[in-house]
């Protein structure tokens, strides 16, 4: 009597192993489909890669620093210009007319 019971358990064990294998295959198939769909959706979006973003960010930072440097230089030049004595028109050496 123990012999048929042992076979039943062996059969149940095989069925469970086969079911686990099938479930694993289904899981891999679902993962593949989901991954493909996600890649398709992401490729349709207007996204920027991280390295491209960082490169543009660095360029913007450099441009901002250059703009600040030039603004400070302009301030100094404007201050010098406003402090310079005003010259009347026609009294400079550059106004010499050659005939």
PDB file of N, CA and C in Angstrom:
ATOM      1  N   UNK A   1       0.795  -1.183   0.000  1.00  0.00           N
ATOM      2  CA  UNK A   1       0.000   0.000   0.000  1.00  0.00           C
ATOM      3  C   UNK A   1       0.849   1.262   0.000  1.00  0.00           C
ATOM      4  N   UNK A   2       2.010   1.193   0.550  1.00  0.00           N
ATOM      5  CA  UNK A   2       2.892   2.360   0.545  1.00  0.00           C
ATOM      6  C   UNK A   2       3.422   2.641  -0.844  1.00  0.00           C
ATOM      7  N   UNK A   3       3.501   1.666  -1.654  1.00  0.00           N
ATOM      8  CA  UNK A   3       4.017   1.860  -3.027  1.00  0.00           C
ATOM      9  C   UNK A   3       3.136   2.778  -3.847  1.00  0.00           C
ATOM     10  N   UNK A   4       1.826   2.592  -3.957  1.00  0.00           N
ATOM     11  CA  UNK A   4       0.991   3.516  -4.732  1.00  0.00           C
ATOM     12  C   UNK A   4       0.991   4.917  -4.141  1.00  0.00           C
ATOM     13  N   UNK A   5       1.039   5.024  -2.809  1.00  0.00           N
ATOM     14  CA  UNK A   5       1.051   6.343  -2.190  1.00  0.00           C
ATOM     15  C   UNK A   5       2.344   7.086  -2.566  1.00  0.00           C
ATOM     16  N   UNK A   6       3.457   6.411  -2.611  1.00  0.00           N
ATOM     17  CA  UNK A   6       4.736   7.013  -2.998  1.00  0.00           C
ATOM     18  C   UNK A   6       4.692   7.506  -4.442  1.00  0.00           C
ATOM     19  N   UNK A   7       4.068   6.731  -5.312  1.00  0.00           N
ATOM     20  CA  UNK A   7       3.937   7.157  -6.713  1.00  0.00           C
ATOM     21  C   UNK A   7       3.072   8.413  -6.831  1.00  0.00           C
ATOM     22  N   UNK A   8       2.022   8.474  -6.046  1.00  0.00           N
ATOM     23  CA  UNK A   8       1.133   9.635  -6.074  1.00  0.00           C
ATOM     24  C   UNK A   8       1.932  10.884  -5.684  1.00  0.00           C
ATOM     25  N   UNK A   9       2.715  10.758  -4.616  1.00  0.00           N
ATOM     26  CA  UNK A   9       3.518  11.913  -4.198  1.00  0.00           C
ATOM     27  C   UNK A   9       4.573  12.275  -5.239  1.00  0.00           C
ATOM     28  N   UNK A  10       5.150  11.274  -5.885  1.00  0.00           N
ATOM     29  CA  UNK A  10       6.120  11.548  -6.952  1.00  0.00           C
ATOM     30  C   UNK A  10       5.448  12.287  -8.104  1.00  0.00           C
ATOM     31  N   UNK A  11       4.250  11.834  -8.476  1.00  0.00           N
ATOM     32  CA  UNK A  11       3.502  12.491  -9.552  1.00  0.00           C
ATOM     33  C   UNK A  11       3.137  13.917  -9.175  1.00  0.00           C
ATOM     34  N   UNK A  12       2.693  14.103  -7.950  1.00  0.00           N
ATOM     35  CA  UNK A  12       2.362  15.454  -7.487  1.00  0.00           C
ATOM     36  C   UNK A  12       3.624  16.329  -7.516  1.00  0.00           C
ATOM     37  N   UNK A  13       4.726  15.771  -7.086  1.00  0.00           N
ATOM     38  CA  UNK A  13       6.001  16.497  -7.110  1.00  0.00           C
ATOM     39  C   UNK A  13       6.384  16.897  -8.523  1.00  0.00           C
ATOM     40  N   UNK A  14       6.246  15.968  -9.477  1.00  0.00           N
ATOM     41  CA  UNK A  14       6.561  16.277 -10.884  1.00  0.00           C
ATOM     42  C   UNK A  14       5.640  17.350 -11.425  1.00  0.00           C
ATOM     43  N   UNK A  15       4.337  17.237 -11.119  1.00  0.00           N
ATOM     44  CA  UNK A  15       3.376  18.239 -11.578  1.00  0.00           C
ATOM     45  C   UNK A  15       3.728  19.626 -11.025  1.00  0.00           C
ATOM     46  N   UNK A  16       4.105  19.672  -9.763  1.00  0.00           N
ATOM     47  CA  UNK A  16       4.467  20.949  -9.152  1.00  0.00           C
ATOM     48  C   UNK A  16       5.736  21.525  -9.796  1.00  0.00           C
ATOM     49  N   UNK A  17       6.697  20.675 -10.069  1.00  0.00           N
ATOM     50  CA  UNK A  17       7.927  21.113 -10.723  1.00  0.00           C
ATOM     51  C   UNK A  17       7.629  21.633 -12.123  1.00  0.00           C
ATOM     52  N   UNK A  18       6.793  20.911 -12.860  1.00  0.00           N
ATOM     53  CA  UNK A  18       6.410  21.358 -14.201  1.00  0.00           C
ATOM     54  C   UNK A  18       5.645  22.681 -14.138  1.00  0.00           C
ATOM     55  N   UNK A  19       4.752  22.813 -13.164  1.00  0.00           N
ATOM     56  CA  UNK A  19       3.980  24.047 -13.021  1.00  0.00           C
ATOM     57  C   UNK A  19       4.903  25.210 -12.676  1.00  0.00           C
ATOM     58  N   UNK A  20       5.871  24.975 -11.812  1.00  0.00           N
ATOM     59  CA  UNK A  20       6.820  26.030 -11.448  1.00  0.00           C
ATOM     60  C   UNK A  20       7.644  26.434 -12.663  1.00  0.00           C
ATOM     61  N   UNK A  21       8.038  25.459 -13.465  1.00  0.00           N
ATOM     62  CA  UNK A  21       8.792  25.766 -14.691  1.00  0.00           C
ATOM     63  C   UNK A  21       7.958  26.567 -15.672  1.00  0.00           C
ATOM     64  N   UNK A  22       6.707  26.199 -15.816  1.00  0.00           N
ATOM     65  CA  UNK A  22       5.816  26.930 -16.721  1.00  0.00           C
ATOM     66  C   UNK A  22       5.581  28.346 -16.209  1.00  0.00           C
ATOM     67  N   UNK A  23       5.388  28.484 -14.899  1.00  0.00           N
ATOM     68  CA  UNK A  23       5.179  29.814 -14.317  1.00  0.00           C
ATOM     69  C   UNK A  23       6.422  30.684 -14.517  1.00  0.00           C
ATOM     70  N   UNK A  24       7.574  30.095 -14.388  1.00  0.00           N
ATOM     71  CA  UNK A  24       8.823  30.839 -14.592  1.00  0.00           C
ATOM     72  C   UNK A  24       8.938  31.293 -16.047  1.00  0.00           C
ATOM     73  N   UNK A  25       8.557  30.437 -16.964  1.00  0.00           N
ATOM     74  CA  UNK A  25       8.580  30.804 -18.379  1.00  0.00           C
ATOM     75  C   UNK A  25       7.604  31.930 -18.690  1.00  0.00           C
ATOM     76  N   UNK A  26       6.410  31.850 -18.092  1.00  0.00           N
ATOM     77  CA  UNK A  26       5.414  32.904 -18.284  1.00  0.00           C
ATOM     78  C   UNK A  26       5.929  34.217 -17.707  1.00  0.00           C
ATOM     79  N   UNK A  27       6.557  34.142 -16.532  1.00  0.00           N
ATOM     80  CA  UNK A  27       7.108  35.354 -15.908  1.00  0.00           C
ATOM     81  C   UNK A  27       8.158  36.003 -16.810  1.00  0.00           C
ATOM     82  N   UNK A  28       9.053  35.200 -17.381  1.00  0.00           N
ATOM     83  CA  UNK A  28      10.080  35.743 -18.297  1.00  0.00           C
ATOM     84  C   UNK A  28       9.439  36.365 -19.529  1.00  0.00           C
ATOM     85  N   UNK A  29       8.406  35.727 -20.035  1.00  0.00           N
ATOM     86  CA  UNK A  29       7.705  36.243 -21.219  1.00  0.00           C
ATOM     87  C   UNK A  29       7.043  37.590 -20.906  1.00  0.00           C
ATOM     88  N   UNK A  30       6.395  37.674 -19.753  1.00  0.00           N
ATOM     89  CA  UNK A  30       5.751  38.930 -19.349  1.00  0.00           C
ATOM     90  C   UNK A  30       6.799  40.019 -19.161  1.00  0.00           C
ATOM     91  N   UNK A  31       7.908  39.699 -18.524  1.00  0.00           N
ATOM     92  CA  UNK A  31       8.984  40.688 -18.329  1.00  0.00           C
ATOM     93  C   UNK A  31       9.499  41.201 -19.671  1.00  0.00           C
ATOM     94  N   UNK A  32       9.657  40.307 -20.628  1.00  0.00           N
ATOM     95  CA  UNK A  32      10.134  40.703 -21.955  1.00  0.00           C
ATOM     96  C   UNK A  32       9.157  41.651 -22.632  1.00  0.00           C
ATOM     97  N   UNK A  33       7.867  41.324 -22.557  1.00  0.00           N
ATOM     98  CA  UNK A  33       6.848  42.171 -23.184  1.00  0.00           C
ATOM     99  C   UNK A  33       6.790  43.536 -22.503  1.00  0.00           C
ATOM    100  N   UNK A  34       6.807  43.546 -21.171  1.00  0.00           N
ATOM    101  CA  UNK A  34       6.747  44.814 -20.427  1.00  0.00           C
ATOM    102  C   UNK A  34       7.983  45.659 -20.728  1.00  0.00           C
ATOM    103  N   UNK A  35       9.144  45.050 -20.758  1.00  0.00           N
ATOM    104  CA  UNK A  35      10.387  45.774 -21.053  1.00  0.00           C
ATOM    105  C   UNK A  35      10.337  46.375 -22.462  1.00  0.00           C
ATOM    106  N   UNK A  36       9.851  45.612 -23.424  1.00  0.00           N
ATOM    107  CA  UNK A  36       9.750  46.116 -24.796  1.00  0.00           C
ATOM    108  C   UNK A  36       8.775  47.293 -24.871  1.00  0.00           C
ATOM    109  N   UNK A  37       7.647  47.194 -24.192  1.00  0.00           N
ATOM    110  CA  UNK A  37       6.666  48.284 -24.177  1.00  0.00           C
ATOM    111  C   UNK A  37       7.248  49.523 -23.506  1.00  0.00           C
ATOM    112  N   UNK A  38       7.946  49.331 -22.397  1.00  0.00           N
ATOM    113  CA  UNK A  38       8.551  50.471 -21.690  1.00  0.00           C
ATOM    114  C   UNK A  38       9.596  51.152 -22.570  1.00  0.00           C
ATOM    115  N   UNK A  39      10.406  50.373 -23.243  1.00  0.00           N
ATOM    116  CA  UNK A  39      11.410  50.954 -24.152  1.00  0.00           C
ATOM    117  C   UNK A  39      10.748  51.723 -25.280  1.00  0.00           C
ATOM    118  N   UNK A  40       9.642  51.203 -25.806  1.00  0.00           N
ATOM    119  CA  UNK A  40       8.932  51.881 -26.881  1.00  0.00           C
ATOM    120  C   UNK A  40       8.365  53.210 -26.394  1.00  0.00           C
ATOM    121  N   UNK A  41       7.742  53.201 -25.231  1.00  0.00           N
ATOM    122  CA  UNK A  41       7.159  54.428 -24.676  1.00  0.00           C
ATOM    123  C   UNK A  41       8.253  55.452 -24.397  1.00  0.00           C
ATOM    124  N   UNK A  42       9.335  55.027 -23.785  1.00  0.00           N
ATOM    125  CA  UNK A  42      10.423  55.951 -23.459  1.00  0.00           C
ATOM    126  C   UNK A  42      11.079  56.518 -24.711  1.00  0.00           C
ATOM    127  N   UNK A  43      11.172  55.720 -25.764  1.00  0.00           N
ATOM    128  CA  UNK A  43      11.796  56.224 -26.987  1.00  0.00           C
ATOM    129  C   UNK A  43      10.918  57.254 -27.683  1.00  0.00           C
ATOM    130  N   UNK A  44       9.604  57.189 -27.453  1.00  0.00           N
ATOM    131  CA  UNK A  44       8.691  58.163 -28.058  1.00  0.00           C
ATOM    132  C   UNK A  44       8.675  59.489 -27.299  1.00  0.00           C
ATOM    133  N   UNK A  45       9.088  59.475 -26.041  1.00  0.00           N
ATOM    134  CA  UNK A  45       9.117  60.696 -25.246  1.00  0.00           C
ATOM    135  C   UNK A  45      10.323  61.537 -25.660  1.00  0.00           C
ATOM    136  N   UNK A  46      10.206  62.832 -25.448  1.00  0.00           N
ATOM    137  CA  UNK A  46      11.293  63.750 -25.802  1.00  0.00           C
ATOM    138  C   UNK A  46      12.204  63.913 -24.587  1.00  0.00           C
ATOM    139  N   UNK A  47      12.972  62.883 -24.298  1.00  0.00           N
ATOM    140  CA  UNK A  47      13.846  62.881 -23.136  1.00  0.00           C
ATOM    141  C   UNK A  47      15.296  63.117 -23.550  1.00  0.00           C
ATOM    142  N   UNK A  48      16.061  63.653 -22.624  1.00  0.00           N
ATOM    143  CA  UNK A  48      17.479  63.920 -22.862  1.00  0.00           C
ATOM    144  C   UNK A  48      18.273  62.966 -21.981  1.00  0.00           C
ATOM    145  N   UNK A  49      19.343  62.435 -22.546  1.00  0.00           N
ATOM    146  CA  UNK A  49      20.198  61.564 -21.741  1.00  0.00           C
ATOM    147  C   UNK A  49      20.927  62.381 -20.683  1.00  0.00           C
ATOM    148  N   UNK A  50      21.283  61.757 -19.608  1.00  0.00           N
ATOM    149  CA  UNK A  50      21.905  62.444 -18.465  1.00  0.00           C
ATOM    150  C   UNK A  50      23.203  63.118 -18.864  1.00  0.00           C
ATOM    151  N   UNK A  51      24.053  62.456 -19.647  1.00  0.00           N
ATOM    152  CA  UNK A  51      25.338  63.059 -20.028  1.00  0.00           C
ATOM    153  C   UNK A  51      25.136  64.291 -20.912  1.00  0.00           C
ATOM    154  N   UNK A  52      24.127  64.256 -21.777  1.00  0.00           N
ATOM    155  CA  UNK A  52      23.835  65.433 -22.604  1.00  0.00           C
ATOM    156  C   UNK A  52      23.334  66.584 -21.736  1.00  0.00           C
ATOM    157  N   UNK A  53      22.487  66.274 -20.764  1.00  0.00           N
ATOM    158  CA  UNK A  53      21.979  67.292 -19.853  1.00  0.00           C
ATOM    159  C   UNK A  53      23.127  67.935 -19.081  1.00  0.00           C
ATOM    160  N   UNK A  54      24.033  67.125 -18.565  1.00  0.00           N
ATOM    161  CA  UNK A  54      25.159  67.646 -17.791  1.00  0.00           C
ATOM    162  C   UNK A  54      26.056  68.526 -18.654  1.00  0.00           C
ATOM    163  N   UNK A  55      26.260  68.166 -19.918  1.00  0.00           N
ATOM    164  CA  UNK A  55      27.094  68.972 -20.811  1.00  0.00           C
ATOM    165  C   UNK A  55      26.456  70.338 -21.053  1.00  0.00           C
ATOM    166  N   UNK A  56      25.159  70.373 -21.304  1.00  0.00           N
ATOM    167  CA  UNK A  56      24.465  71.645 -21.537  1.00  0.00           C
ATOM    168  C   UNK A  56      24.440  72.468 -20.251  1.00  0.00           C
ATOM    169  N   UNK A  57      24.279  71.804 -19.140  1.00  0.00           N
ATOM    170  CA  UNK A  57      24.281  72.505 -17.856  1.00  0.00           C
ATOM    171  C   UNK A  57      25.636  73.174 -17.607  1.00  0.00           C
ATOM    172  N   UNK A  58      26.717  72.477 -17.907  1.00  0.00           N
ATOM    173  CA  UNK A  58      28.053  73.048 -17.732  1.00  0.00           C
ATOM    174  C   UNK A  58      28.255  74.244 -18.662  1.00  0.00           C
ATOM    175  N   UNK A  59      27.770  74.130 -19.898  1.00  0.00           N
ATOM    176  CA  UNK A  59      27.887  75.252 -20.842  1.00  0.00           C
ATOM    177  C   UNK A  59      27.095  76.451 -20.341  1.00  0.00           C
ATOM    178  N   UNK A  60      25.910  76.228 -19.798  1.00  0.00           N
ATOM    179  CA  UNK A  60      25.083  77.324 -19.281  1.00  0.00           C
ATOM    180  C   UNK A  60      25.763  77.981 -18.090  1.00  0.00           C
ATOM    181  N   UNK A  61      26.366  77.188 -17.227  1.00  0.00           N
ATOM    182  CA  UNK A  61      27.074  77.740 -16.068  1.00  0.00           C
ATOM    183  C   UNK A  61      28.253  78.595 -16.526  1.00  0.00           C
ATOM    184  N   UNK A  62      28.981  78.112 -17.496  1.00  0.00           N
ATOM    185  CA  UNK A  62      30.131  78.864 -18.021  1.00  0.00           C
ATOM    186  C   UNK A  62      29.653  80.179 -18.652  1.00  0.00           C
ATOM    187  N   UNK A  63      28.562  80.140 -19.400  1.00  0.00           N
ATOM    188  CA  UNK A  63      28.016  81.349 -20.029  1.00  0.00           C
ATOM    189  C   UNK A  63      27.530  82.332 -18.962  1.00  0.00           C
ATOM    190  N   UNK A  64      26.922  81.826 -17.903  1.00  0.00           N
ATOM    191  CA  UNK A  64      26.442  82.684 -16.822  1.00  0.00           C
ATOM    192  C   UNK A  64      27.621  83.386 -16.142  1.00  0.00           C
ATOM    193  N   UNK A  65      28.691  82.644 -15.884  1.00  0.00           N
ATOM    194  CA  UNK A  65      29.885  83.229 -15.260  1.00  0.00           C
ATOM    195  C   UNK A  65      30.516  84.283 -16.170  1.00  0.00           C
ATOM    196  N   UNK A  66      30.571  83.989 -17.450  1.00  0.00           N
ATOM    197  CA  UNK A  66      31.128  84.951 -18.417  1.00  0.00           C
ATOM    198  C   UNK A  66      30.253  86.208 -18.459  1.00  0.00           C
ATOM    199  N   UNK A  67      28.939  86.037 -18.419  1.00  0.00           N
ATOM    200  CA  UNK A  67      28.023  87.167 -18.430  1.00  0.00           C
ATOM    201  C   UNK A  67      28.238  88.036 -17.187  1.00  0.00           C
ATOM    202  N   UNK A  68      28.398  87.416 -16.030  1.00  0.00           N
ATOM    203  CA  UNK A  68      28.644  88.164 -14.800  1.00  0.00           C
ATOM    204  C   UNK A  68      29.969  88.913 -14.869  1.00  0.00           C
ATOM    205  N   UNK A  69      30.989  88.271 -15.417  1.00  0.00           N
ATOM    206  CA  UNK A  69      32.303  88.910 -15.549  1.00  0.00           C
ATOM    207  C   UNK A  69      32.216  90.118 -16.479  1.00  0.00           C
ATOM    208  N   UNK A  70      31.525  89.973 -17.591  1.00  0.00           N
ATOM    209  CA  UNK A  70      31.382  91.082 -18.537  1.00  0.00           C
ATOM    210  C   UNK A  70      30.523  92.206 -17.958  1.00  0.00           C
ATOM    211  N   UNK A  71      29.504  91.864 -17.178  1.00  0.00           N
ATOM    212  CA  UNK A  71      28.669  92.892 -16.546  1.00  0.00           C
ATOM    213  C   UNK A  71      29.503  93.712 -15.566  1.00  0.00           C
ATOM    214  N   UNK A  72      30.358  93.065 -14.801  1.00  0.00           N
ATOM    215  CA  UNK A  72      31.220  93.778 -13.863  1.00  0.00           C
ATOM    216  C   UNK A  72      32.204  94.676 -14.617  1.00  0.00           C
ATOM    217  N   UNK A  73      32.745  94.170 -15.689  1.00  0.00           N
ATOM    218  CA  UNK A  73      33.679  94.967 -16.511  1.00  0.00           C
ATOM    219  C   UNK A  73      32.957  96.183 -17.099  1.00  0.00           C
ATOM    220  N   UNK A  74      31.728  95.997 -17.561  1.00  0.00           N
ATOM    221  CA  UNK A  74      30.950  97.092 -18.125  1.00  0.00           C
ATOM    222  C   UNK A  74      30.676  98.160 -17.063  1.00  0.00           C
ATOM    223  N   UNK A  75      30.381  97.713 -15.853  1.00  0.00           N
ATOM    224  CA  UNK A  75      30.156  98.660 -14.754  1.00  0.00           C
ATOM    225  C   UNK A  75      31.384  99.529 -14.528  1.00  0.00           C
ATOM    226  N   UNK A  76      32.557  98.916 -14.518  1.00  0.00           N
ATOM    227  CA  UNK A  76      33.804  99.664 -14.308  1.00  0.00           C
ATOM    228  C   UNK A  76      34.005 100.660 -15.437  1.00  0.00           C
ATOM    229  N   UNK A  77      33.799 100.225 -16.670  1.00  0.00           N
ATOM    230  CA  UNK A  77      33.991 101.120 -17.816  1.00  0.00           C
ATOM    231  C   UNK A  77      32.985 102.272 -17.789  1.00  0.00           C
ATOM    232  N   UNK A  78      31.744 102.002 -17.433  1.00  0.00           N
ATOM    233  CA  UNK A  78      30.739 103.060 -17.348  1.00  0.00           C
ATOM    234  C   UNK A  78      31.086 104.054 -16.247  1.00  0.00           C
ATOM    235  N   UNK A  79      31.603 103.559 -15.129  1.00  0.00           N
ATOM    236  CA  UNK A  79      31.999 104.439 -14.034  1.00  0.00           C
ATOM    237  C   UNK A  79      33.149 105.339 -14.481  1.00  0.00           C
ATOM    238  N   UNK A  80      34.111 104.770 -15.203  1.00  0.00           N
ATOM    239  CA  UNK A  80      35.236 105.575 -15.712  1.00  0.00           C
ATOM    240  C   UNK A  80      34.726 106.613 -16.695  1.00  0.00           C
ATOM    241  N   UNK A  81      33.793 106.231 -17.544  1.00  0.00           N
ATOM    242  CA  UNK A  81      33.269 107.142 -18.556  1.00  0.00           C
ATOM    243  C   UNK A  81      32.501 108.301 -17.913  1.00  0.00           C
ATOM    244  N   UNK A  82      31.718 107.995 -16.909  1.00  0.00           N
ATOM    245  CA  UNK A  82      30.952 109.066 -16.262  1.00  0.00           C
ATOM    246  C   UNK A  82      31.851 109.966 -15.427  1.00  0.00           C
ATOM    247  N   UNK A  83      32.993 109.452 -14.969  1.00  0.00           N
ATOM    248  CA  UNK A  83      33.924 110.257 -14.186  1.00  0.00           C
ATOM    249  C   UNK A  83      34.833 111.098 -15.070  1.00  0.00           C
ATOM    250  N   UNK A  84      34.967 110.762 -16.350  1.00  0.00           N
ATOM    251  CA  UNK A  84      35.845 111.509 -17.263  1.00  0.00           C
ATOM    252  C   UNK A  84      35.242 112.880 -17.524  1.00  0.00           C
ATOM    253  N   UNK A  85      36.096 113.930 -17.633  1.00  0.00           N
ATOM    254  CA  UNK A  85      35.572 115.267 -17.916  1.00  0.00           C
ATOM    255  C   UNK A  85      34.951 115.318 -19.298  1.00  0.00           C
ATOM    256  N   UNK A  86      33.824 116.016 -19.388  1.00  0.00           N
ATOM    257  CA  UNK A  86      33.125 116.139 -20.666  1.00  0.00           C
ATOM    258  C   UNK A  86      33.885 117.107 -21.548  1.00  0.00           C
ATOM    259  N   UNK A  87      34.078 116.753 -22.801  1.00  0.00           N
ATOM    260  CA  UNK A  87      34.756 117.645 -23.752  1.00  0.00           C
ATOM    261  C   UNK A  87      33.703 118.257 -24.644  1.00  0.00           C
ATOM    262  N   UNK A  88      33.917 119.530 -24.971  1.00  0.00           N
ATOM    263  CA  UNK A  88      32.941 120.197 -25.848  1.00  0.00           C
ATOM    264  C   UNK A  88      33.183 119.784 -27.271  1.00  0.00           C
ATOM    265  N   UNK A  89      32.154 119.775 -28.052  1.00  0.00           N
ATOM    266  CA  UNK A  89      32.258 119.362 -29.447  1.00  0.00           C
ATOM    267  C   UNK A  89      33.070 120.391 -30.210  1.00  0.00           C
ATOM    268  N   UNK A  90      33.963 119.916 -31.045  1.00  0.00           N
ATOM    269  CA  UNK A  90      34.735 120.799 -31.916  1.00  0.00           C
ATOM    270  C   UNK A  90      36.007 121.331 -31.290  1.00  0.00           C
ATOM    271  N   UNK A  91      36.332 120.973 -30.070  1.00  0.00           N
ATOM    272  CA  UNK A  91      37.522 121.517 -29.467  1.00  0.00           C
ATOM    273  C   UNK A  91      38.665 120.513 -29.398  1.00  0.00           C
ATOM    274  N   UNK A  92      38.450 119.340 -29.871  1.00  0.00           N
ATOM    275  CA  UNK A  92      39.499 118.320 -29.780  1.00  0.00           C
ATOM    276  C   UNK A  92      40.419 118.339 -30.980  1.00  0.00           C
ATOM    277  N   UNK A  93      41.577 117.700 -30.856  1.00  0.00           N
ATOM    278  CA  UNK A  93      42.567 117.629 -31.939  1.00  0.00           C
ATOM    279  C   UNK A  93      42.049 116.745 -33.058  1.00  0.00           C
ATOM    280  N   UNK A  94      41.107 115.897 -32.793  1.00  0.00           N
ATOM    281  CA  UNK A  94      40.553 114.998 -33.810  1.00  0.00           C
ATOM    282  C   UNK A  94      39.668 115.729 -34.781  1.00  0.00           C
ATOM    283  N   UNK A  95      39.333 116.983 -34.480  1.00  0.00           N
ATOM    284  CA  UNK A  95      38.406 117.739 -35.332  1.00  0.00           C
ATOM    285  C   UNK A  95      39.135 118.528 -36.418  1.00  0.00           C
ATOM    286  N   UNK A  96      40.422 118.294 -36.606  1.00  0.00           N
ATOM    287  CA  UNK A  96      41.180 119.016 -37.606  1.00  0.00           C
ATOM    288  C   UNK A  96      40.707 118.648 -38.993  1.00  0.00           C
ATOM    289  N   UNK A  97      40.451 119.640 -39.810  1.00  0.00           N
ATOM    290  CA  UNK A  97      39.959 119.420 -41.166  1.00  0.00           C
ATOM    291  C   UNK A  97      41.120 119.673 -42.107  1.00  0.00           C
ATOM    292  N   UNK A  98      41.374 118.738 -42.982  1.00  0.00           N
ATOM    293  CA  UNK A  98      42.444 118.887 -43.945  1.00  0.00           C
ATOM    294  C   UNK A  98      41.791 119.208 -45.294  1.00  0.00           C
ATOM    295  N   UNK A  99      42.269 120.309 -45.917  1.00  0.00           N
ATOM    296  CA  UNK A  99      41.678 120.713 -47.190  1.00  0.00           C
ATOM    297  C   UNK A  99      42.601 120.435 -48.316  1.00  0.00           C
TER     298      UNK A  99
END
